[in-house]
């Protein structure tokens, strides 16, 4: 079981502070598949946030994934 280190509101505020900026993330897709995603956080919604990748694709992630460690936002 993964350890939750921050609250949901803290995760939302962290993502909101990064809105519009370039981010690099490691995304755990399951079964030991880690994907590196680089892009700009475009929109922040109540349950999810969207990232426009460098290949002009938009991916959606939930704050719960950030809380559980499935998404790790790397420091630039």
Protein backbone atom coordinates (compact mmCIF):
# COMPACT_ATOMS: atom_id res chain seq x y z
CA UNK A 1 0.00 0.00 0.00
CA UNK A 2 1.29 3.43 -0.89
CA UNK A 3 1.79 6.08 1.75
CA UNK A 4 -0.10 9.33 1.22
CA UNK A 5 2.16 12.25 2.17
CA UNK A 6 -0.12 15.22 1.48
CA UNK A 7 -3.82 16.02 1.47
CA UNK A 8 -5.98 16.31 -1.61
CA UNK A 9 -6.15 20.09 -1.23
CA UNK A 10 -2.35 20.32 -1.04
CA UNK A 11 -2.05 18.30 -4.25
CA UNK A 12 -4.56 20.58 -6.00
CA UNK A 13 -2.71 23.70 -4.84
CA UNK A 14 0.63 22.26 -6.00
CA UNK A 15 -0.76 21.54 -9.47
CA UNK A 16 -2.53 24.92 -9.61
CA UNK A 17 0.78 26.67 -8.84
CA UNK A 18 2.36 24.84 -11.81
CA UNK A 19 -0.44 25.72 -14.26
CA UNK A 20 0.99 27.09 -17.50
CA UNK A 21 4.53 25.99 -16.76
CA UNK A 22 6.65 23.26 -18.34
CA UNK A 23 6.77 20.10 -16.20
CA UNK A 24 8.38 16.69 -16.40
CA UNK A 25 6.59 13.75 -14.82
CA UNK A 26 7.13 10.04 -14.32
CA UNK A 27 3.83 8.21 -14.73
CA UNK A 28 3.39 4.67 -13.42
CA UNK A 29 1.17 2.91 -15.96
CA UNK A 30 1.17 -0.38 -14.06
CA UNK A 31 3.03 -3.67 -14.48
CA UNK A 32 6.39 -1.93 -14.05
CA UNK A 33 5.76 0.45 -16.97
CA UNK A 34 7.06 3.90 -16.12
CA UNK A 35 6.49 6.57 -18.77
CA UNK A 36 8.27 9.93 -18.85
CA UNK A 37 5.86 12.72 -19.79
CA UNK A 38 7.01 16.25 -20.56
CA UNK A 39 4.55 19.05 -21.24
CA UNK A 40 2.63 22.08 -20.01
CA UNK A 41 -0.18 21.93 -17.45
CA UNK A 42 -3.05 23.50 -19.38
CA UNK A 43 -6.20 23.24 -17.27
CA UNK A 44 -7.00 22.49 -13.65
CA UNK A 45 -10.44 21.08 -12.88
CA UNK A 46 -11.99 19.99 -9.56
CA UNK A 47 -11.09 16.30 -10.03
CA UNK A 48 -8.46 16.21 -12.79
CA UNK A 49 -5.83 18.28 -14.55
CA UNK A 50 -4.69 18.20 -18.17
CA UNK A 51 -1.18 18.22 -19.60
CA UNK A 52 -0.41 19.12 -23.20
CA UNK A 53 2.60 17.04 -24.15
CA UNK A 54 5.37 18.12 -26.49
CA UNK A 55 3.75 15.97 -29.22
CA UNK A 56 0.56 18.13 -29.07
CA UNK A 57 -1.42 15.43 -27.27
CA UNK A 58 -3.53 16.22 -24.21
CA UNK A 59 -3.43 13.76 -21.33
CA UNK A 60 -5.66 13.87 -18.27
CA UNK A 61 -4.52 12.91 -14.77
CA UNK A 62 -6.28 12.85 -11.41
CA UNK A 63 -5.03 14.36 -8.17
CA UNK A 64 -5.42 10.98 -6.52
CA UNK A 65 -2.64 9.63 -8.75
CA UNK A 66 -0.36 12.39 -7.45
CA UNK A 67 -1.32 11.54 -3.85
CA UNK A 68 -0.63 7.82 -4.28
CA UNK A 69 2.67 8.30 -6.05
CA UNK A 70 1.55 7.01 -9.44
CA UNK A 71 2.57 10.41 -10.83
CA UNK A 72 5.80 12.03 -9.71
CA UNK A 73 6.40 15.60 -10.78
CA UNK A 74 10.11 16.14 -11.17
CA UNK A 75 11.82 19.34 -10.09
CA UNK A 76 13.17 21.37 -12.98
